[in-house]
Amino acid sequence: MKIAIIGTGNLGSSIAKGLIKNNTFTSLYLSDKNTANVNDYKTLKNVTVTNDNLLAVAESEMVIFALQPKHINGVLESVADIITKDHVVISVAAGVDIARIESIIGSDKNIIRVMPNTAISIGKSMTCIAANKQAQDKVILAENIFNQLGTTMAIPEDLVQAATVICASGIAFWMRLVRATTQGAIQLGFEAEQAHELATQTCFGAASLLIESGKHPEQEIDRVTTPSGCTIEGLNAMEHQGLSSALIQGIVASFEKINQIKKN
């Protein structure tokens, strides 16, 4: 498929890296005023780095708008005249709903909201997908692309805001937990590099265990905790300090913020 990415900031360049790593295109246009993040791709076969959004859209079948919410209106307006009914338009702009995009390029266009996270650059994204009425039969195209860059889930659009918090912001939440574990390991006597490896591999193992076993986290926790043991002592101390409550409050705060972005 001929793909264009409009906007090559952190998320756009992560998508580009994932697509290139998996060779998931026949041609790829990467367009932005500032292409510093993707200039290394200029020499790659079938990849074009450009500042010309119109060219990128005209030469593509699927256009991924990886833009900040404050910029998306202006960019969509600048290319609206050349977006056809054959294009598949994908937006990854947080808080920008399909109705807003339809108001600019038309409700007769194929419009899909996609919310990946930055793990897309290593093919490990959890990506949620929602489409307008016109693009329901195009969802499979988005799934085919993004399944090669991780895992996808088709959801109703009214859950995209929540998915953004859980999956996109969630990357940062989990990074902070890994950092805290690393700091704890250093305090217990490990060198920084050792502590980092212990924390990241244990986090990876925990997630992999839940994915492969399909079990509820508490079932796996029960396998680790023993009566009067050190694990339950640590878990209870964390809960007394509000670990679960803090996580939930953080998720809710992020959700409230993204809803404010949508209103603005």
C-alpha atoms as a PDB file:
ATOM      1  CA  MET A   1       0.000   0.000   0.000  1.00  0.00           C
ATOM      2  CA  LYS A   2       1.108   3.571  -0.707  1.00  0.00           C
ATOM      3  CA  ILE A   3       1.294   5.296   2.672  1.00  0.00           C
ATOM      4  CA  ALA A   4       1.960   8.883   3.746  1.00  0.00           C
ATOM      5  CA  ILE A   5       2.648  10.143   7.248  1.00  0.00           C
ATOM      6  CA  ILE A   6       1.919  13.811   7.775  1.00  0.00           C
ATOM      7  CA  GLY A   7       3.766  14.906  10.886  1.00  0.00           C
ATOM      8  CA  THR A   8       7.079  13.314  11.838  1.00  0.00           C
ATOM      9  CA  GLY A   9       7.384  14.183  15.508  1.00  0.00           C
ATOM     10  CA  ASN A  10       7.795  11.533  18.189  1.00  0.00           C
ATOM     11  CA  LEU A  11       4.720   9.488  17.271  1.00  0.00           C
ATOM     12  CA  GLY A  12       4.907   9.996  13.509  1.00  0.00           C
ATOM     13  CA  SER A  13       8.562   9.013  13.410  1.00  0.00           C
ATOM     14  CA  SER A  14       7.828   5.994  15.629  1.00  0.00           C
ATOM     15  CA  ILE A  15       5.151   4.837  13.164  1.00  0.00           C
ATOM     16  CA  ALA A  16       7.565   5.406  10.298  1.00  0.00           C
ATOM     17  CA  LYS A  17      10.280   3.392  12.040  1.00  0.00           C
ATOM     18  CA  GLY A  18       7.857   0.521  12.596  1.00  0.00           C
ATOM     19  CA  LEU A  19       6.634   0.544   9.003  1.00  0.00           C
ATOM     20  CA  ILE A  20      10.178   0.609   7.668  1.00  0.00           C
ATOM     21  CA  LYS A  21      11.332  -2.147  10.025  1.00  0.00           C
ATOM     22  CA  ASN A  22       8.515  -4.400   8.817  1.00  0.00           C
ATOM     23  CA  ASN A  23       8.574  -3.195   5.184  1.00  0.00           C
ATOM     24  CA  THR A  24       4.836  -2.539   5.428  1.00  0.00           C
ATOM     25  CA  PHE A  25       4.356  -0.425   2.275  1.00  0.00           C
ATOM     26  CA  THR A  26       4.996  -0.141  -1.437  1.00  0.00           C
ATOM     27  CA  SER A  27       5.879   3.534  -1.032  1.00  0.00           C
ATOM     28  CA  LEU A  28       6.164   5.762   2.026  1.00  0.00           C
ATOM     29  CA  TYR A  29       6.043   9.566   2.108  1.00  0.00           C
ATOM     30  CA  LEU A  30       7.149  11.297   5.312  1.00  0.00           C
ATOM     31  CA  SER A  31       6.105  14.943   5.353  1.00  0.00           C
ATOM     32  CA  ASP A  32       6.660  17.731   7.871  1.00  0.00           C
ATOM     33  CA  LYS A  33       8.059  21.248   8.126  1.00  0.00           C
ATOM     34  CA  ASN A  34      10.765  19.767  10.325  1.00  0.00           C
ATOM     35  CA  THR A  35      11.894  16.339   9.142  1.00  0.00           C
ATOM     36  CA  ALA A  36      14.877  16.029  11.487  1.00  0.00           C
ATOM     37  CA  ASN A  37      13.503  12.829  13.076  1.00  0.00           C
ATOM     38  CA  VAL A  38      13.272  11.015   9.739  1.00  0.00           C
ATOM     39  CA  ASN A  39      16.073  12.483   7.633  1.00  0.00           C
ATOM     40  CA  ASP A  40      18.072   9.265   8.031  1.00  0.00           C
ATOM     41  CA  TYR A  41      15.395   7.495   5.964  1.00  0.00           C
ATOM     42  CA  LYS A  42      15.987   9.644   2.864  1.00  0.00           C
ATOM     43  CA  THR A  43      18.270   7.081   1.281  1.00  0.00           C
ATOM     44  CA  LEU A  44      15.957   4.111   1.772  1.00  0.00           C
ATOM     45  CA  LYS A  45      14.220   2.521  -1.190  1.00  0.00           C
ATOM     46  CA  ASN A  46      10.620   3.672  -1.766  1.00  0.00           C
ATOM     47  CA  VAL A  47      10.835   6.235   1.073  1.00  0.00           C
ATOM     48  CA  THR A  48      10.454   9.960   0.325  1.00  0.00           C
ATOM     49  CA  VAL A  49      11.111  12.626   2.949  1.00  0.00           C
ATOM     50  CA  THR A  50       9.467  15.915   2.033  1.00  0.00           C
ATOM     51  CA  ASN A  51       8.046  19.223   3.259  1.00  0.00           C
ATOM     52  CA  ASP A  52       5.211  19.030   0.719  1.00  0.00           C
ATOM     53  CA  ASN A  53       2.014  17.698   2.310  1.00  0.00           C
ATOM     54  CA  LEU A  54       0.100  18.016  -0.946  1.00  0.00           C
ATOM     55  CA  LEU A  55       2.611  15.803  -2.748  1.00  0.00           C
ATOM     56  CA  ALA A  56       2.529  13.224   0.041  1.00  0.00           C
ATOM     57  CA  VAL A  57      -1.278  12.997  -0.023  1.00  0.00           C
ATOM     58  CA  ALA A  58      -1.504  12.948  -3.829  1.00  0.00           C
ATOM     59  CA  GLU A  59       0.966  10.051  -4.063  1.00  0.00           C
ATOM     60  CA  SER A  60      -0.649   7.907  -1.366  1.00  0.00           C
ATOM     61  CA  GLU A  61      -3.657   5.682  -0.725  1.00  0.00           C
ATOM     62  CA  MET A  62      -3.500   5.764   3.072  1.00  0.00           C
ATOM     63  CA  VAL A  63      -2.661   9.041   4.825  1.00  0.00           C
ATOM     64  CA  ILE A  64      -1.731   8.990   8.511  1.00  0.00           C
ATOM     65  CA  PHE A  65      -2.046  12.380  10.200  1.00  0.00           C
ATOM     66  CA  ALA A  66       0.326  12.199  13.191  1.00  0.00           C
ATOM     67  CA  LEU A  67      -0.240  15.753  14.367  1.00  0.00           C
ATOM     68  CA  GLN A  68      -0.866  17.621  17.584  1.00  0.00           C
ATOM     69  CA  PRO A  69      -4.546  18.545  18.042  1.00  0.00           C
ATOM     70  CA  LYS A  70      -3.790  22.267  17.682  1.00  0.00           C
ATOM     71  CA  HIS A  71      -2.266  21.731  14.237  1.00  0.00           C
ATOM     72  CA  ILE A  72      -4.586  19.213  12.641  1.00  0.00           C
ATOM     73  CA  ASN A  73      -7.326  21.599  11.492  1.00  0.00           C
ATOM     74  CA  GLY A  74      -4.975  23.778   9.467  1.00  0.00           C
ATOM     75  CA  VAL A  75      -3.179  20.845   7.860  1.00  0.00           C
ATOM     76  CA  LEU A  76      -6.435  19.058   6.973  1.00  0.00           C
ATOM     77  CA  GLU A  77      -7.818  22.257   5.447  1.00  0.00           C
ATOM     78  CA  SER A  78      -4.682  22.655   3.318  1.00  0.00           C
ATOM     79  CA  VAL A  79      -5.048  19.185   1.753  1.00  0.00           C
ATOM     80  CA  ALA A  80      -8.836  18.708   1.877  1.00  0.00           C
ATOM     81  CA  ASP A  81      -9.323  19.434  -1.827  1.00  0.00           C
ATOM     82  CA  ILE A  82      -7.125  16.524  -2.925  1.00  0.00           C
ATOM     83  CA  ILE A  83      -8.404  13.913  -0.471  1.00  0.00           C
ATOM     84  CA  THR A  84     -10.673  11.600  -2.444  1.00  0.00           C
ATOM     85  CA  LYS A  85     -13.172   8.887  -1.581  1.00  0.00           C
ATOM     86  CA  ASP A  86     -10.461   6.357  -2.404  1.00  0.00           C
ATOM     87  CA  HIS A  87      -8.132   7.623   0.320  1.00  0.00           C
ATOM     88  CA  VAL A  88      -8.078   6.037   3.755  1.00  0.00           C
ATOM     89  CA  VAL A  89      -7.530   8.887   6.196  1.00  0.00           C
ATOM     90  CA  ILE A  90      -6.103   7.915   9.573  1.00  0.00           C
ATOM     91  CA  SER A  91      -5.732  10.323  12.479  1.00  0.00           C
ATOM     92  CA  VAL A  92      -3.653   9.668  15.564  1.00  0.00           C
ATOM     93  CA  ALA A  93      -4.253  13.137  17.038  1.00  0.00           C
ATOM     94  CA  ALA A  94      -5.296  12.790  20.677  1.00  0.00           C
ATOM     95  CA  GLY A  95      -8.733  14.189  21.454  1.00  0.00           C
ATOM     96  CA  VAL A  96      -9.668  14.900  17.844  1.00  0.00           C
ATOM     97  CA  ASP A  97     -12.915  13.090  17.065  1.00  0.00           C
ATOM     98  CA  ILE A  98     -14.117  11.843  13.705  1.00  0.00           C
ATOM     99  CA  ALA A  99     -16.859  14.475  13.515  1.00  0.00           C
ATOM    100  CA  ARG A 100     -14.226  17.219  13.603  1.00  0.00           C
ATOM    101  CA  ILE A 101     -12.322  15.615  10.741  1.00  0.00           C
ATOM    102  CA  GLU A 102     -15.518  15.057   8.755  1.00  0.00           C
ATOM    103  CA  SER A 103     -16.392  18.741   9.132  1.00  0.00           C
ATOM    104  CA  ILE A 104     -13.188  19.607   7.279  1.00  0.00           C
ATOM    105  CA  ILE A 105     -12.782  16.917   4.605  1.00  0.00           C
ATOM    106  CA  GLY A 106     -16.349  15.598   4.360  1.00  0.00           C
ATOM    107  CA  SER A 107     -18.335  12.755   5.881  1.00  0.00           C
ATOM    108  CA  ASP A 108     -18.168  10.889   2.567  1.00  0.00           C
ATOM    109  CA  LYS A 109     -14.467  10.176   3.134  1.00  0.00           C
ATOM    110  CA  ASN A 110     -12.972   7.075   4.770  1.00  0.00           C
ATOM    111  CA  ILE A 111     -11.897   8.301   8.208  1.00  0.00           C
ATOM    112  CA  ILE A 112     -10.321   6.158  10.908  1.00  0.00           C
ATOM    113  CA  ARG A 113      -9.099   7.151  14.353  1.00  0.00           C
ATOM    114  CA  VAL A 114      -6.106   5.148  15.461  1.00  0.00           C
ATOM    115  CA  MET A 115      -4.442   5.388  18.835  1.00  0.00           C
ATOM    116  CA  PRO A 116      -1.090   3.582  18.987  1.00  0.00           C
ATOM    117  CA  ASN A 117       1.674   4.123  21.490  1.00  0.00           C
ATOM    118  CA  THR A 118       5.390   4.731  21.034  1.00  0.00           C
ATOM    119  CA  ALA A 119       6.154   1.005  21.338  1.00  0.00           C
ATOM    120  CA  ILE A 120       5.064   0.949  17.697  1.00  0.00           C
ATOM    121  CA  SER A 121       8.688   1.717  16.816  1.00  0.00           C
ATOM    122  CA  ILE A 122       9.667  -1.803  17.962  1.00  0.00           C
ATOM    123  CA  GLY A 123       6.511  -3.548  16.767  1.00  0.00           C
ATOM    124  CA  LYS A 124       4.951  -3.824  20.237  1.00  0.00           C
ATOM    125  CA  SER A 125       2.200  -1.197  20.201  1.00  0.00           C
ATOM    126  CA  MET A 126      -1.271  -1.692  21.634  1.00  0.00           C
ATOM    127  CA  THR A 127      -3.277   0.158  18.986  1.00  0.00           C
ATOM    128  CA  CYS A 128      -6.998   0.933  19.182  1.00  0.00           C
ATOM    129  CA  ILE A 129      -9.019   1.603  16.024  1.00  0.00           C
ATOM    130  CA  ALA A 130     -12.384   3.300  15.408  1.00  0.00           C
ATOM    131  CA  ALA A 131     -13.947   4.320  12.093  1.00  0.00           C
ATOM    132  CA  ASN A 132     -16.738   6.455  10.705  1.00  0.00           C
ATOM    133  CA  LYS A 133     -19.686   4.881   8.888  1.00  0.00           C
ATOM    134  CA  GLN A 134     -18.035   5.326   5.503  1.00  0.00           C
ATOM    135  CA  ALA A 135     -14.865   3.491   6.532  1.00  0.00           C
ATOM    136  CA  GLN A 136     -16.274   0.450   8.337  1.00  0.00           C
ATOM    137  CA  ASP A 137     -15.063  -1.834   5.562  1.00  0.00           C
ATOM    138  CA  LYS A 138     -11.624  -0.179   5.674  1.00  0.00           C
ATOM    139  CA  VAL A 139     -10.930  -1.046   9.317  1.00  0.00           C
ATOM    140  CA  ILE A 140      -9.335  -4.296   8.189  1.00  0.00           C
ATOM    141  CA  LEU A 141      -6.780  -2.283   6.180  1.00  0.00           C
ATOM    142  CA  ALA A 142      -5.789  -0.363   9.293  1.00  0.00           C
ATOM    143  CA  GLU A 143      -5.667  -3.609  11.276  1.00  0.00           C
ATOM    144  CA  ASN A 144      -3.462  -5.229   8.643  1.00  0.00           C
ATOM    145  CA  ILE A 145      -1.017  -2.328   8.850  1.00  0.00           C
ATOM    146  CA  PHE A 146      -0.945  -1.894  12.608  1.00  0.00           C
ATOM    147  CA  ASN A 147      -1.035  -5.615  13.455  1.00  0.00           C
ATOM    148  CA  GLN A 148       2.419  -5.740  11.920  1.00  0.00           C
ATOM    149  CA  LEU A 149       3.434  -3.081  14.425  1.00  0.00           C
ATOM    150  CA  GLY A 150       1.972  -4.742  17.513  1.00  0.00           C
ATOM    151  CA  THR A 151      -1.579  -5.670  18.506  1.00  0.00           C
ATOM    152  CA  THR A 152      -4.833  -3.962  17.497  1.00  0.00           C
ATOM    153  CA  MET A 153      -8.308  -3.710  18.982  1.00  0.00           C
ATOM    154  CA  ALA A 154     -11.327  -2.300  17.133  1.00  0.00           C
ATOM    155  CA  ILE A 155     -13.443  -0.262  19.540  1.00  0.00           C
ATOM    156  CA  PRO A 156     -16.388   2.182  19.434  1.00  0.00           C
ATOM    157  CA  GLU A 157     -15.257   5.759  18.989  1.00  0.00           C
ATOM    158  CA  ASP A 158     -16.638   6.793  22.366  1.00  0.00           C
ATOM    159  CA  LEU A 159     -13.931   4.645  23.994  1.00  0.00           C
ATOM    160  CA  VAL A 160     -11.000   6.145  22.068  1.00  0.00           C
ATOM    161  CA  GLN A 161     -10.380   8.821  24.695  1.00  0.00           C
ATOM    162  CA  ALA A 162     -10.112   6.178  27.398  1.00  0.00           C
ATOM    163  CA  ALA A 163      -7.927   3.996  25.185  1.00  0.00           C
ATOM    164  CA  THR A 164      -5.569   6.933  24.681  1.00  0.00           C
ATOM    165  CA  VAL A 165      -5.038   7.156  28.425  1.00  0.00           C
ATOM    166  CA  ILE A 166      -4.627   3.414  28.991  1.00  0.00           C
ATOM    167  CA  CYS A 167      -2.421   2.670  25.987  1.00  0.00           C
ATOM    168  CA  ALA A 168      -0.640   5.864  24.916  1.00  0.00           C
ATOM    169  CA  SER A 169      -0.243   7.648  28.246  1.00  0.00           C
ATOM    170  CA  GLY A 170       0.020   4.207  29.832  1.00  0.00           C
ATOM    171  CA  ILE A 171       3.493   3.739  28.355  1.00  0.00           C
ATOM    172  CA  ALA A 172       4.705   6.613  30.541  1.00  0.00           C
ATOM    173  CA  PHE A 173       2.891   5.246  33.590  1.00  0.00           C
ATOM    174  CA  TRP A 174       4.626   1.886  33.244  1.00  0.00           C
ATOM    175  CA  MET A 175       7.999   3.567  32.611  1.00  0.00           C
ATOM    176  CA  ARG A 176       7.611   5.422  35.904  1.00  0.00           C
ATOM    177  CA  LEU A 177       6.902   2.146  37.730  1.00  0.00           C
ATOM    178  CA  VAL A 178      10.001   0.585  36.171  1.00  0.00           C
ATOM    179  CA  ARG A 179      12.041   3.613  37.232  1.00  0.00           C
ATOM    180  CA  ALA A 180      10.782   3.341  40.806  1.00  0.00           C
ATOM    181  CA  THR A 181      11.654  -0.361  40.883  1.00  0.00           C
ATOM    182  CA  THR A 182      15.124   0.469  39.568  1.00  0.00           C
ATOM    183  CA  GLN A 183      15.617   3.053  42.306  1.00  0.00           C
ATOM    184  CA  GLY A 184      14.532   0.531  44.894  1.00  0.00           C
ATOM    185  CA  ALA A 185      17.015  -2.022  43.582  1.00  0.00           C
ATOM    186  CA  ILE A 186      19.823   0.528  43.770  1.00  0.00           C
ATOM    187  CA  GLN A 187      18.903   1.270  47.369  1.00  0.00           C
ATOM    188  CA  LEU A 188      19.167  -2.452  48.103  1.00  0.00           C
ATOM    189  CA  GLY A 189      22.728  -2.529  46.768  1.00  0.00           C
ATOM    190  CA  PHE A 190      22.649  -3.158  43.011  1.00  0.00           C
ATOM    191  CA  GLU A 191      24.598  -1.056  40.530  1.00  0.00           C
ATOM    192  CA  ALA A 192      22.426   1.182  38.329  1.00  0.00           C
ATOM    193  CA  GLU A 193      22.808  -0.955  35.190  1.00  0.00           C
ATOM    194  CA  GLN A 194      22.058  -4.136  37.110  1.00  0.00           C
ATOM    195  CA  ALA A 195      19.038  -2.530  38.760  1.00  0.00           C
ATOM    196  CA  HIS A 196      17.695  -1.376  35.392  1.00  0.00           C
ATOM    197  CA  GLU A 197      18.035  -4.832  33.878  1.00  0.00           C
ATOM    198  CA  LEU A 198      16.381  -6.494  36.865  1.00  0.00           C
ATOM    199  CA  ALA A 199      13.455  -4.067  36.742  1.00  0.00           C
ATOM    200  CA  THR A 200      12.854  -4.156  32.975  1.00  0.00           C
ATOM    201  CA  GLN A 201      13.148  -7.919  32.606  1.00  0.00           C
ATOM    202  CA  THR A 202      10.880  -8.558  35.579  1.00  0.00           C
ATOM    203  CA  CYS A 203       8.281  -6.148  34.149  1.00  0.00           C
ATOM    204  CA  PHE A 204       8.538  -7.862  30.762  1.00  0.00           C
ATOM    205  CA  GLY A 205       8.192 -11.276  32.383  1.00  0.00           C
ATOM    206  CA  ALA A 206       5.114 -10.236  34.355  1.00  0.00           C
ATOM    207  CA  ALA A 207       3.343  -8.889  31.260  1.00  0.00           C
ATOM    208  CA  SER A 208       4.339 -11.919  29.173  1.00  0.00           C
ATOM    209  CA  LEU A 209       3.104 -14.279  31.871  1.00  0.00           C
ATOM    210  CA  LEU A 210      -0.325 -12.641  31.941  1.00  0.00           C
ATOM    211  CA  ILE A 211      -0.584 -12.548  28.143  1.00  0.00           C
ATOM    212  CA  GLU A 212       0.412 -16.173  27.636  1.00  0.00           C
ATOM    213  CA  SER A 213      -1.488 -17.630  30.582  1.00  0.00           C
ATOM    214  CA  GLY A 214      -4.614 -15.498  30.158  1.00  0.00           C
ATOM    215  CA  LYS A 215      -4.921 -15.418  33.937  1.00  0.00           C
ATOM    216  CA  HIS A 216      -6.109 -12.567  36.152  1.00  0.00           C
ATOM    217  CA  PRO A 217      -3.197 -10.742  37.842  1.00  0.00           C
ATOM    218  CA  GLU A 218      -4.381 -11.830  41.296  1.00  0.00           C
ATOM    219  CA  GLN A 219      -4.070 -15.475  40.290  1.00  0.00           C
ATOM    220  CA  GLU A 220      -0.401 -14.961  39.438  1.00  0.00           C
ATOM    221  CA  ILE A 221       0.118 -12.856  42.564  1.00  0.00           C
ATOM    222  CA  ASP A 222      -1.260 -15.729  44.665  1.00  0.00           C
ATOM    223  CA  ARG A 223       1.434 -17.984  43.206  1.00  0.00           C
ATOM    224  CA  VAL A 224       4.149 -15.650  44.503  1.00  0.00           C
ATOM    225  CA  THR A 225       2.782 -14.733  47.916  1.00  0.00           C
ATOM    226  CA  THR A 226       3.152 -17.091  50.872  1.00  0.00           C
ATOM    227  CA  PRO A 227       1.747 -16.742  54.401  1.00  0.00           C
ATOM    228  CA  SER A 228       3.802 -14.267  56.449  1.00  0.00           C
ATOM    229  CA  GLY A 229       6.174 -13.940  53.495  1.00  0.00           C
ATOM    230  CA  CYS A 230       8.173 -11.000  52.137  1.00  0.00           C
ATOM    231  CA  THR A 231       6.018 -10.547  49.012  1.00  0.00           C
ATOM    232  CA  ILE A 232       2.732  -9.977  50.838  1.00  0.00           C
ATOM    233  CA  GLU A 233       4.567  -7.721  53.285  1.00  0.00           C
ATOM    234  CA  GLY A 234       5.764  -5.571  50.408  1.00  0.00           C
ATOM    235  CA  LEU A 235       2.409  -5.564  48.610  1.00  0.00           C
ATOM    236  CA  ASN A 236       0.560  -4.524  51.739  1.00  0.00           C
ATOM    237  CA  ALA A 237       3.049  -1.747  52.453  1.00  0.00           C
ATOM    238  CA  MET A 238       2.540  -0.430  48.889  1.00  0.00           C
ATOM    239  CA  GLU A 239      -1.226  -0.542  49.249  1.00  0.00           C
ATOM    240  CA  HIS A 240      -1.048   1.266  52.613  1.00  0.00           C
ATOM    241  CA  GLN A 241       0.791   4.025  50.738  1.00  0.00           C
ATOM    242  CA  GLY A 242      -1.936   4.103  48.083  1.00  0.00           C
ATOM    243  CA  LEU A 243      -0.296   2.361  45.104  1.00  0.00           C
ATOM    244  CA  SER A 244      -3.495   1.166  43.403  1.00  0.00           C
ATOM    245  CA  SER A 245      -5.367   4.327  44.330  1.00  0.00           C
ATOM    246  CA  ALA A 246      -2.596   6.551  42.931  1.00  0.00           C
ATOM    247  CA  LEU A 247      -2.573   4.638  39.641  1.00  0.00           C
ATOM    248  CA  ILE A 248      -6.331   4.858  39.261  1.00  0.00           C
ATOM    249  CA  GLN A 249      -6.351   8.551  40.167  1.00  0.00           C
ATOM    250  CA  GLY A 250      -3.615   9.193  37.597  1.00  0.00           C
ATOM    251  CA  ILE A 251      -5.578   7.386  34.891  1.00  0.00           C
ATOM    252  CA  VAL A 252      -8.739   9.338  35.716  1.00  0.00           C
ATOM    253  CA  ALA A 253      -6.815  12.650  35.776  1.00  0.00           C
ATOM    254  CA  SER A 254      -5.378  11.920  32.325  1.00  0.00           C
ATOM    255  CA  PHE A 255      -8.855  11.046  31.056  1.00  0.00           C
ATOM    256  CA  GLU A 256     -10.263  14.324  32.361  1.00  0.00           C
ATOM    257  CA  LYS A 257      -7.439  16.237  30.700  1.00  0.00           C
ATOM    258  CA  ILE A 258      -7.920  14.602  27.309  1.00  0.00           C
ATOM    259  CA  ASN A 259     -11.611  15.432  27.464  1.00  0.00           C
ATOM    260  CA  GLN A 260     -10.656  19.072  28.053  1.00  0.00           C
ATOM    261  CA  ILE A 261      -8.440  18.912  24.964  1.00  0.00           C
ATOM    262  CA  LYS A 262     -11.364  17.572  22.949  1.00  0.00           C
ATOM    263  CA  LYS A 263     -13.630  20.413  24.090  1.00  0.00           C
ATOM    264  CA  ASN A 264     -11.019  22.999  23.106  1.00  0.00           C
END
